[in-house]
Amino acid sequence: MSGHSKWSSIKHKKGAADAKRGKLFSKLSRAIIVAAKEGGPDPAGNLALQNAIEKARSYSMPKDNIERAIARGAVRTRMRRLSRRSCTKATARAASP
């Protein structure tokens, strides 16, 4: 009676649905990260981020995932700004006698 278990059928369908959903959430979170990295973490001042968040919410992406993606983008923005400052300071020190 192989293949006649109802749970087995449900498990395979659920696995396929979860894989599709996970792939979609990854794509949406990447869009949020990029928008937060380029325009800052505030959705009020960043239209691309606001649109990415609205799209993620329309696909029922959990709020925690959205906030985590914004934080990742914001951290990368801060790191990039800090590295620019340190490079500028190092260049200024090297140039001055």
PDB file of N, CA and C in Angstrom:
ATOM      1  N   MET A   1       0.833  -1.191   0.000  1.00  0.00           N
ATOM      2  CA  MET A   1       0.000   0.000   0.000  1.00  0.00           C
ATOM      3  C   MET A   1       0.877   1.255   0.000  1.00  0.00           C
ATOM      4  N   SER A   2       1.938   1.192  -0.696  1.00  0.00           N
ATOM      5  CA  SER A   2       2.853   2.323  -0.767  1.00  0.00           C
ATOM      6  C   SER A   2       2.199   3.499  -1.498  1.00  0.00           C
ATOM      7  N   GLY A   3       2.387   4.712  -0.951  1.00  0.00           N
ATOM      8  CA  GLY A   3       1.849   5.904  -1.589  1.00  0.00           C
ATOM      9  C   GLY A   3       0.415   6.216  -1.245  1.00  0.00           C
ATOM     10  N   HIS A   4      -0.159   5.516  -0.281  1.00  0.00           N
ATOM     11  CA  HIS A   4      -1.565   5.735   0.055  1.00  0.00           C
ATOM     12  C   HIS A   4      -1.759   6.468   1.374  1.00  0.00           C
ATOM     13  N   SER A   5      -0.686   7.015   1.902  1.00  0.00           N
ATOM     14  CA  SER A   5      -0.782   7.741   3.159  1.00  0.00           C
ATOM     15  C   SER A   5      -1.182   9.187   2.885  1.00  0.00           C
ATOM     16  N   LYS A   6      -2.248   9.619   3.538  1.00  0.00           N
ATOM     17  CA  LYS A   6      -2.704  10.996   3.324  1.00  0.00           C
ATOM     18  C   LYS A   6      -1.661  11.994   3.831  1.00  0.00           C
ATOM     19  N   TRP A   7      -1.021  11.680   4.972  1.00  0.00           N
ATOM     20  CA  TRP A   7      -0.010  12.579   5.517  1.00  0.00           C
ATOM     21  C   TRP A   7       1.152  12.725   4.546  1.00  0.00           C
ATOM     22  N   SER A   8       1.512  11.671   3.882  1.00  0.00           N
ATOM     23  CA  SER A   8       2.603  11.719   2.916  1.00  0.00           C
ATOM     24  C   SER A   8       2.269  12.686   1.780  1.00  0.00           C
ATOM     25  N   SER A   9       1.036  12.636   1.302  1.00  0.00           N
ATOM     26  CA  SER A   9       0.614  13.558   0.237  1.00  0.00           C
ATOM     27  C   SER A   9       0.641  14.998   0.714  1.00  0.00           C
ATOM     28  N   ILE A  10       0.134  15.228   1.925  1.00  0.00           N
ATOM     29  CA  ILE A  10       0.120  16.580   2.496  1.00  0.00           C
ATOM     30  C   ILE A  10       1.553  17.091   2.664  1.00  0.00           C
ATOM     31  N   LYS A  11       2.433  16.221   3.155  1.00  0.00           N
ATOM     32  CA  LYS A  11       3.825  16.593   3.405  1.00  0.00           C
ATOM     33  C   LYS A  11       4.509  17.045   2.110  1.00  0.00           C
ATOM     34  N   HIS A  12       4.280  16.323   1.025  1.00  0.00           N
ATOM     35  CA  HIS A  12       4.902  16.697  -0.241  1.00  0.00           C
ATOM     36  C   HIS A  12       4.348  18.014  -0.778  1.00  0.00           C
ATOM     37  N   LYS A  13       3.047  18.215  -0.675  1.00  0.00           N
ATOM     38  CA  LYS A  13       2.443  19.472  -1.132  1.00  0.00           C
ATOM     39  C   LYS A  13       2.934  20.642  -0.288  1.00  0.00           C
ATOM     40  N   LYS A  14       2.975  20.434   1.027  1.00  0.00           N
ATOM     41  CA  LYS A  14       3.418  21.490   1.933  1.00  0.00           C
ATOM     42  C   LYS A  14       4.887  21.826   1.687  1.00  0.00           C
ATOM     43  N   GLY A  15       5.693  20.819   1.448  1.00  0.00           N
ATOM     44  CA  GLY A  15       7.113  21.044   1.176  1.00  0.00           C
ATOM     45  C   GLY A  15       7.316  21.878  -0.080  1.00  0.00           C
ATOM     46  N   ALA A  16       6.553  21.566  -1.117  1.00  0.00           N
ATOM     47  CA  ALA A  16       6.668  22.319  -2.371  1.00  0.00           C
ATOM     48  C   ALA A  16       6.194  23.762  -2.176  1.00  0.00           C
ATOM     49  N   ALA A  17       5.088  23.937  -1.465  1.00  0.00           N
ATOM     50  CA  ALA A  17       4.554  25.282  -1.219  1.00  0.00           C
ATOM     51  C   ALA A  17       5.523  26.103  -0.365  1.00  0.00           C
ATOM     52  N   ASP A  18       6.116  25.475   0.658  1.00  0.00           N
ATOM     53  CA  ASP A  18       7.069  26.173   1.523  1.00  0.00           C
ATOM     54  C   ASP A  18       8.325  26.581   0.757  1.00  0.00           C
ATOM     55  N   ALA A  19       8.760  25.737  -0.170  1.00  0.00           N
ATOM     56  CA  ALA A  19       9.942  26.067  -0.968  1.00  0.00           C
ATOM     57  C   ALA A  19       9.666  27.282  -1.860  1.00  0.00           C
ATOM     58  N   LYS A  20       8.492  27.324  -2.477  1.00  0.00           N
ATOM     59  CA  LYS A  20       8.126  28.471  -3.316  1.00  0.00           C
ATOM     60  C   LYS A  20       8.039  29.746  -2.479  1.00  0.00           C
ATOM     61  N   ARG A  21       7.419  29.620  -1.311  1.00  0.00           N
ATOM     62  CA  ARG A  21       7.252  30.774  -0.436  1.00  0.00           C
ATOM     63  C   ARG A  21       8.605  31.285   0.066  1.00  0.00           C
ATOM     64  N   GLY A  22       9.495  30.362   0.424  1.00  0.00           N
ATOM     65  CA  GLY A  22      10.825  30.743   0.879  1.00  0.00           C
ATOM     66  C   GLY A  22      11.614  31.455  -0.204  1.00  0.00           C
ATOM     67  N   LYS A  23      11.501  30.977  -1.428  1.00  0.00           N
ATOM     68  CA  LYS A  23      12.189  31.612  -2.555  1.00  0.00           C
ATOM     69  C   LYS A  23      11.665  33.026  -2.774  1.00  0.00           C
ATOM     70  N   LEU A  24      10.339  33.197  -2.673  1.00  0.00           N
ATOM     71  CA  LEU A  24       9.724  34.512  -2.830  1.00  0.00           C
ATOM     72  C   LEU A  24      10.155  35.454  -1.712  1.00  0.00           C
ATOM     73  N   PHE A  25      10.163  34.960  -0.460  1.00  0.00           N
ATOM     74  CA  PHE A  25      10.570  35.792   0.674  1.00  0.00           C
ATOM     75  C   PHE A  25      12.034  36.221   0.534  1.00  0.00           C
ATOM     76  N   SER A  26      12.880  35.339   0.023  1.00  0.00           N
ATOM     77  CA  SER A  26      14.287  35.690  -0.179  1.00  0.00           C
ATOM     78  C   SER A  26      14.412  36.812  -1.197  1.00  0.00           C
ATOM     79  N   LYS A  27      13.649  36.705  -2.265  1.00  0.00           N
ATOM     80  CA  LYS A  27      13.685  37.724  -3.316  1.00  0.00           C
ATOM     81  C   LYS A  27      13.188  39.071  -2.767  1.00  0.00           C
ATOM     82  N   LEU A  28      12.102  39.037  -1.982  1.00  0.00           N
ATOM     83  CA  LEU A  28      11.545  40.261  -1.415  1.00  0.00           C
ATOM     84  C   LEU A  28      12.504  40.881  -0.402  1.00  0.00           C
ATOM     85  N   SER A  29      13.144  40.048   0.425  1.00  0.00           N
ATOM     86  CA  SER A  29      14.058  40.596   1.434  1.00  0.00           C
ATOM     87  C   SER A  29      15.297  41.187   0.774  1.00  0.00           C
ATOM     88  N   ARG A  30      15.760  40.597  -0.329  1.00  0.00           N
ATOM     89  CA  ARG A  30      16.888  41.194  -1.054  1.00  0.00           C
ATOM     90  C   ARG A  30      16.521  42.580  -1.578  1.00  0.00           C
ATOM     91  N   ALA A  31      15.290  42.722  -2.077  1.00  0.00           N
ATOM     92  CA  ALA A  31      14.839  44.027  -2.571  1.00  0.00           C
ATOM     93  C   ALA A  31      14.789  45.049  -1.432  1.00  0.00           C
ATOM     94  N   ILE A  32      14.355  44.625  -0.255  1.00  0.00           N
ATOM     95  CA  ILE A  32      14.304  45.517   0.909  1.00  0.00           C
ATOM     96  C   ILE A  32      15.713  45.906   1.332  1.00  0.00           C
ATOM     97  N   ILE A  33      16.632  44.954   1.360  1.00  0.00           N
ATOM     98  CA  ILE A  33      18.016  45.229   1.758  1.00  0.00           C
ATOM     99  C   ILE A  33      18.650  46.253   0.816  1.00  0.00           C
ATOM    100  N   VAL A  34      18.473  46.057  -0.478  1.00  0.00           N
ATOM    101  CA  VAL A  34      19.057  46.974  -1.464  1.00  0.00           C
ATOM    102  C   VAL A  34      18.458  48.369  -1.315  1.00  0.00           C
ATOM    103  N   ALA A  35      17.137  48.443  -1.129  1.00  0.00           N
ATOM    104  CA  ALA A  35      16.486  49.751  -0.980  1.00  0.00           C
ATOM    105  C   ALA A  35      16.960  50.456   0.287  1.00  0.00           C
ATOM    106  N   ALA A  36      17.107  49.711   1.385  1.00  0.00           N
ATOM    107  CA  ALA A  36      17.571  50.312   2.640  1.00  0.00           C
ATOM    108  C   ALA A  36      19.028  50.727   2.529  1.00  0.00           C
ATOM    109  N   LYS A  37      19.815  49.972   1.783  1.00  0.00           N
ATOM    110  CA  LYS A  37      21.226  50.282   1.624  1.00  0.00           C
ATOM    111  C   LYS A  37      21.413  51.562   0.813  1.00  0.00           C
ATOM    112  N   GLU A  38      20.604  51.736  -0.218  1.00  0.00           N
ATOM    113  CA  GLU A  38      20.784  52.879  -1.111  1.00  0.00           C
ATOM    114  C   GLU A  38      20.141  54.169  -0.599  1.00  0.00           C
ATOM    115  N   GLY A  39      18.975  54.048   0.081  1.00  0.00           N
ATOM    116  CA  GLY A  39      18.277  55.265   0.476  1.00  0.00           C
ATOM    117  C   GLY A  39      18.111  55.468   1.963  1.00  0.00           C
ATOM    118  N   GLY A  40      18.640  54.569   2.772  1.00  0.00           N
ATOM    119  CA  GLY A  40      18.505  54.692   4.216  1.00  0.00           C
ATOM    120  C   GLY A  40      17.365  53.843   4.758  1.00  0.00           C
ATOM    121  N   PRO A  41      17.359  53.616   6.070  1.00  0.00           N
ATOM    122  CA  PRO A  41      16.405  52.693   6.675  1.00  0.00           C
ATOM    123  C   PRO A  41      15.019  53.267   6.981  1.00  0.00           C
ATOM    124  N   ASP A  42      14.814  54.552   6.707  1.00  0.00           N
ATOM    125  CA  ASP A  42      13.529  55.180   7.026  1.00  0.00           C
ATOM    126  C   ASP A  42      12.590  55.111   5.819  1.00  0.00           C
ATOM    127  N   PRO A  43      11.469  54.346   5.920  1.00  0.00           N
ATOM    128  CA  PRO A  43      10.556  54.231   4.781  1.00  0.00           C
ATOM    129  C   PRO A  43       9.882  55.556   4.412  1.00  0.00           C
ATOM    130  N   ALA A  44       9.755  56.473   5.375  1.00  0.00           N
ATOM    131  CA  ALA A  44       9.113  57.756   5.089  1.00  0.00           C
ATOM    132  C   ALA A  44       9.945  58.586   4.111  1.00  0.00           C
ATOM    133  N   GLY A  45      11.262  58.449   4.189  1.00  0.00           N
ATOM    134  CA  GLY A  45      12.134  59.221   3.319  1.00  0.00           C
ATOM    135  C   GLY A  45      12.704  58.417   2.163  1.00  0.00           C
ATOM    136  N   ASN A  46      12.316  57.158   2.061  1.00  0.00           N
ATOM    137  CA  ASN A  46      12.873  56.279   1.037  1.00  0.00           C
ATOM    138  C   ASN A  46      11.723  55.589   0.304  1.00  0.00           C
ATOM    139  N   LEU A  47      11.368  56.117  -0.845  1.00  0.00           N
ATOM    140  CA  LEU A  47      10.216  55.609  -1.592  1.00  0.00           C
ATOM    141  C   LEU A  47      10.423  54.170  -2.063  1.00  0.00           C
ATOM    142  N   ALA A  48      11.631  53.829  -2.484  1.00  0.00           N
ATOM    143  CA  ALA A  48      11.908  52.466  -2.947  1.00  0.00           C
ATOM    144  C   ALA A  48      11.716  51.465  -1.811  1.00  0.00           C
ATOM    145  N   LEU A  49      12.161  51.840  -0.618  1.00  0.00           N
ATOM    146  CA  LEU A  49      11.994  50.964   0.545  1.00  0.00           C
ATOM    147  C   LEU A  49      10.522  50.825   0.898  1.00  0.00           C
ATOM    148  N   GLN A  50       9.798  51.917   0.843  1.00  0.00           N
ATOM    149  CA  GLN A  50       8.365  51.887   1.145  1.00  0.00           C
ATOM    150  C   GLN A  50       7.632  50.957   0.170  1.00  0.00           C
ATOM    151  N   ASN A  51       7.966  51.040  -1.112  1.00  0.00           N
ATOM    152  CA  ASN A  51       7.336  50.168  -2.106  1.00  0.00           C
ATOM    153  C   ASN A  51       7.706  48.704  -1.887  1.00  0.00           C
ATOM    154  N   ALA A  52       8.967  48.449  -1.538  1.00  0.00           N
ATOM    155  CA  ALA A  52       9.412  47.078  -1.293  1.00  0.00           C
ATOM    156  C   ALA A  52       8.698  46.490  -0.075  1.00  0.00           C
ATOM    157  N   ILE A  53       8.504  47.293   0.963  1.00  0.00           N
ATOM    158  CA  ILE A  53       7.799  46.830   2.163  1.00  0.00           C
ATOM    159  C   ILE A  53       6.340  46.537   1.843  1.00  0.00           C
ATOM    160  N   GLU A  54       5.698  47.415   1.075  1.00  0.00           N
ATOM    161  CA  GLU A  54       4.300  47.189   0.704  1.00  0.00           C
ATOM    162  C   GLU A  54       4.142  45.904  -0.108  1.00  0.00           C
ATOM    163  N   LYS A  55       5.075  45.676  -1.015  1.00  0.00           N
ATOM    164  CA  LYS A  55       5.016  44.456  -1.827  1.00  0.00           C
ATOM    165  C   LYS A  55       5.203  43.223  -0.945  1.00  0.00           C
ATOM    166  N   ALA A  56       6.137  43.288   0.007  1.00  0.00           N
ATOM    167  CA  ALA A  56       6.368  42.160   0.914  1.00  0.00           C
ATOM    168  C   ALA A  56       5.135  41.895   1.768  1.00  0.00           C
ATOM    169  N   ARG A  57       4.504  42.949   2.237  1.00  0.00           N
ATOM    170  CA  ARG A  57       3.288  42.772   3.040  1.00  0.00           C
ATOM    171  C   ARG A  57       2.153  42.185   2.209  1.00  0.00           C
ATOM    172  N   SER A  58       2.083  42.547   0.931  1.00  0.00           N
ATOM    173  CA  SER A  58       1.022  42.011   0.077  1.00  0.00           C
ATOM    174  C   SER A  58       1.177  40.504  -0.121  1.00  0.00           C
ATOM    175  N   TYR A  59       2.414  40.001   0.010  1.00  0.00           N
ATOM    176  CA  TYR A  59       2.658  38.561  -0.089  1.00  0.00           C
ATOM    177  C   TYR A  59       2.711  37.891   1.284  1.00  0.00           C
ATOM    178  N   SER A  60       2.239  38.581   2.315  1.00  0.00           N
ATOM    179  CA  SER A  60       2.152  38.057   3.689  1.00  0.00           C
ATOM    180  C   SER A  60       3.513  37.696   4.277  1.00  0.00           C
ATOM    181  N   MET A  61       4.510  38.497   3.979  1.00  0.00           N
ATOM    182  CA  MET A  61       5.826  38.283   4.570  1.00  0.00           C
ATOM    183  C   MET A  61       5.762  38.732   6.026  1.00  0.00           C
ATOM    184  N   PRO A  62       6.282  37.926   6.965  1.00  0.00           N
ATOM    185  CA  PRO A  62       6.228  38.298   8.387  1.00  0.00           C
ATOM    186  C   PRO A  62       6.965  39.611   8.684  1.00  0.00           C
ATOM    187  N   LYS A  63       6.425  40.345   9.642  1.00  0.00           N
ATOM    188  CA  LYS A  63       6.987  41.646  10.007  1.00  0.00           C
ATOM    189  C   LYS A  63       8.431  41.514  10.498  1.00  0.00           C
ATOM    190  N   ASP A  64       8.725  40.431  11.213  1.00  0.00           N
ATOM    191  CA  ASP A  64      10.089  40.209  11.703  1.00  0.00           C
ATOM    192  C   ASP A  64      11.082  40.111  10.549  1.00  0.00           C
ATOM    193  N   ASN A  65      10.697  39.396   9.501  1.00  0.00           N
ATOM    194  CA  ASN A  65      11.577  39.254   8.336  1.00  0.00           C
ATOM    195  C   ASN A  65      11.820  40.606   7.667  1.00  0.00           C
ATOM    196  N   ILE A  66      10.775  41.415   7.578  1.00  0.00           N
ATOM    197  CA  ILE A  66      10.903  42.743   6.963  1.00  0.00           C
ATOM    198  C   ILE A  66      11.853  43.609   7.790  1.00  0.00           C
ATOM    199  N   GLU A  67      11.658  43.612   9.111  1.00  0.00           N
ATOM    200  CA  GLU A  67      12.509  44.423   9.987  1.00  0.00           C
ATOM    201  C   GLU A  67      13.957  43.952   9.945  1.00  0.00           C
ATOM    202  N   ARG A  68      14.163  42.635   9.884  1.00  0.00           N
ATOM    203  CA  ARG A  68      15.512  42.083   9.805  1.00  0.00           C
ATOM    204  C   ARG A  68      16.199  42.513   8.505  1.00  0.00           C
ATOM    205  N   ALA A  69      15.460  42.509   7.409  1.00  0.00           N
ATOM    206  CA  ALA A  69      16.022  42.919   6.118  1.00  0.00           C
ATOM    207  C   ALA A  69      16.392  44.406   6.127  1.00  0.00           C
ATOM    208  N   ILE A  70      15.543  45.233   6.734  1.00  0.00           N
ATOM    209  CA  ILE A  70      15.846  46.670   6.836  1.00  0.00           C
ATOM    210  C   ILE A  70      17.113  46.871   7.665  1.00  0.00           C
ATOM    211  N   ALA A  71      17.224  46.129   8.770  1.00  0.00           N
ATOM    212  CA  ALA A  71      18.403  46.248   9.633  1.00  0.00           C
ATOM    213  C   ALA A  71      19.669  45.837   8.891  1.00  0.00           C
ATOM    214  N   ARG A  72      19.594  44.788   8.087  1.00  0.00           N
ATOM    215  CA  ARG A  72      20.766  44.364   7.312  1.00  0.00           C
ATOM    216  C   ARG A  72      21.197  45.456   6.342  1.00  0.00           C
ATOM    217  N   GLY A  73      20.252  46.043   5.651  1.00  0.00           N
ATOM    218  CA  GLY A  73      20.574  47.107   4.710  1.00  0.00           C
ATOM    219  C   GLY A  73      21.128  48.329   5.410  1.00  0.00           C
ATOM    220  N   ALA A  74      20.581  48.651   6.576  1.00  0.00           N
ATOM    221  CA  ALA A  74      21.031  49.819   7.333  1.00  0.00           C
ATOM    222  C   ALA A  74      22.446  49.619   7.854  1.00  0.00           C
ATOM    223  N   VAL A  75      22.759  48.418   8.299  1.00  0.00           N
ATOM    224  CA  VAL A  75      24.111  48.128   8.803  1.00  0.00           C
ATOM    225  C   VAL A  75      25.116  48.266   7.675  1.00  0.00           C
ATOM    226  N   ARG A  76      24.777  47.773   6.508  1.00  0.00           N
ATOM    227  CA  ARG A  76      25.688  47.877   5.373  1.00  0.00           C
ATOM    228  C   ARG A  76      25.881  49.331   4.960  1.00  0.00           C
ATOM    229  N   THR A  77      24.815  50.127   5.080  1.00  0.00           N
ATOM    230  CA  THR A  77      24.923  51.549   4.758  1.00  0.00           C
ATOM    231  C   THR A  77      25.875  52.226   5.728  1.00  0.00           C
ATOM    232  N   ARG A  78      25.715  51.931   7.037  1.00  0.00           N
ATOM    233  CA  ARG A  78      26.579  52.525   8.050  1.00  0.00           C
ATOM    234  C   ARG A  78      28.028  52.110   7.845  1.00  0.00           C
ATOM    235  N   MET A  79      28.241  50.835   7.538  1.00  0.00           N
ATOM    236  CA  MET A  79      29.608  50.350   7.344  1.00  0.00           C
ATOM    237  C   MET A  79      30.253  51.029   6.140  1.00  0.00           C
ATOM    238  N   ARG A  80      29.471  51.212   5.077  1.00  0.00           N
ATOM    239  CA  ARG A  80      30.005  51.850   3.878  1.00  0.00           C
ATOM    240  C   ARG A  80      30.371  53.304   4.178  1.00  0.00           C
ATOM    241  N   ARG A  81      29.510  53.995   4.943  1.00  0.00           N
ATOM    242  CA  ARG A  81      29.795  55.390   5.287  1.00  0.00           C
ATOM    243  C   ARG A  81      31.037  55.489   6.164  1.00  0.00           C
ATOM    244  N   LEU A  82      31.161  54.559   7.136  1.00  0.00           N
ATOM    245  CA  LEU A  82      32.320  54.575   8.017  1.00  0.00           C
ATOM    246  C   LEU A  82      33.603  54.289   7.243  1.00  0.00           C
ATOM    247  N   SER A  83      33.543  53.361   6.320  1.00  0.00           N
ATOM    248  CA  SER A  83      34.749  53.046   5.557  1.00  0.00           C
ATOM    249  C   SER A  83      35.147  54.220   4.672  1.00  0.00           C
ATOM    250  N   ARG A  84      34.179  54.950   4.152  1.00  0.00           N
ATOM    251  CA  ARG A  84      34.503  56.142   3.357  1.00  0.00           C
ATOM    252  C   ARG A  84      35.196  57.179   4.219  1.00  0.00           C
ATOM    253  N   ARG A  85      34.690  57.380   5.432  1.00  0.00           N
ATOM    254  CA  ARG A  85      35.289  58.367   6.335  1.00  0.00           C
ATOM    255  C   ARG A  85      36.711  57.976   6.687  1.00  0.00           C
ATOM    256  N   SER A  86      36.924  56.710   7.028  1.00  0.00           N
ATOM    257  CA  SER A  86      38.260  56.288   7.423  1.00  0.00           C
ATOM    258  C   SER A  86      39.220  56.366   6.251  1.00  0.00           C
ATOM    259  N   CYS A  87      38.748  56.060   5.041  1.00  0.00           N
ATOM    260  CA  CYS A  87      39.604  56.188   3.853  1.00  0.00           C
ATOM    261  C   CYS A  87      39.961  57.647   3.612  1.00  0.00           C
ATOM    262  N   THR A  88      38.995  58.533   3.789  1.00  0.00           N
ATOM    263  CA  THR A  88      39.232  59.964   3.579  1.00  0.00           C
ATOM    264  C   THR A  88      40.226  60.486   4.603  1.00  0.00           C
ATOM    265  N   LYS A  89      40.060  60.072   5.858  1.00  0.00           N
ATOM    266  CA  LYS A  89      40.978  60.512   6.908  1.00  0.00           C
ATOM    267  C   LYS A  89      42.370  59.962   6.662  1.00  0.00           C
ATOM    268  N   ALA A  90      42.461  58.700   6.267  1.00  0.00           N
ATOM    269  CA  ALA A  90      43.769  58.105   6.011  1.00  0.00           C
ATOM    270  C   ALA A  90      44.451  58.794   4.836  1.00  0.00           C
ATOM    271  N   THR A  91      43.715  59.137   3.809  1.00  0.00           N
ATOM    272  CA  THR A  91      44.267  59.826   2.654  1.00  0.00           C
ATOM    273  C   THR A  91      44.735  61.219   3.057  1.00  0.00           C
ATOM    274  N   ALA A  92      43.947  61.903   3.888  1.00  0.00           N
ATOM    275  CA  ALA A  92      44.306  63.244   4.330  1.00  0.00           C
ATOM    276  C   ALA A  92      45.576  63.210   5.181  1.00  0.00           C
ATOM    277  N   ARG A  93      45.687  62.195   6.037  1.00  0.00           N
ATOM    278  CA  ARG A  93      46.904  62.073   6.871  1.00  0.00           C
ATOM    279  C   ARG A  93      48.137  61.801   6.012  1.00  0.00           C
ATOM    280  N   ALA A  94      47.980  60.945   5.025  1.00  0.00           N
ATOM    281  CA  ALA A  94      49.107  60.586   4.165  1.00  0.00           C
ATOM    282  C   ALA A  94      49.551  61.785   3.307  1.00  0.00           C
ATOM    283  N   ALA A  95      48.600  62.608   2.916  1.00  0.00           N
ATOM    284  CA  ALA A  95      48.907  63.748   2.054  1.00  0.00           C
ATOM    285  C   ALA A  95      49.583  64.881   2.830  1.00  0.00           C
ATOM    286  N   SER A  96      49.235  65.019   4.122  1.00  0.00           N
ATOM    287  CA  SER A  96      49.825  66.117   4.893  1.00  0.00           C
ATOM    288  C   SER A  96      51.211  65.726   5.411  1.00  0.00           C
ATOM    289  N   PRO A  97      52.155  66.663   5.368  1.00  0.00           N
ATOM    290  CA  PRO A  97      53.530  66.356   5.813  1.00  0.00           C
ATOM    291  C   PRO A  97      53.689  66.331   7.299  1.00  0.00           C
TER     292      PRO A  97
END
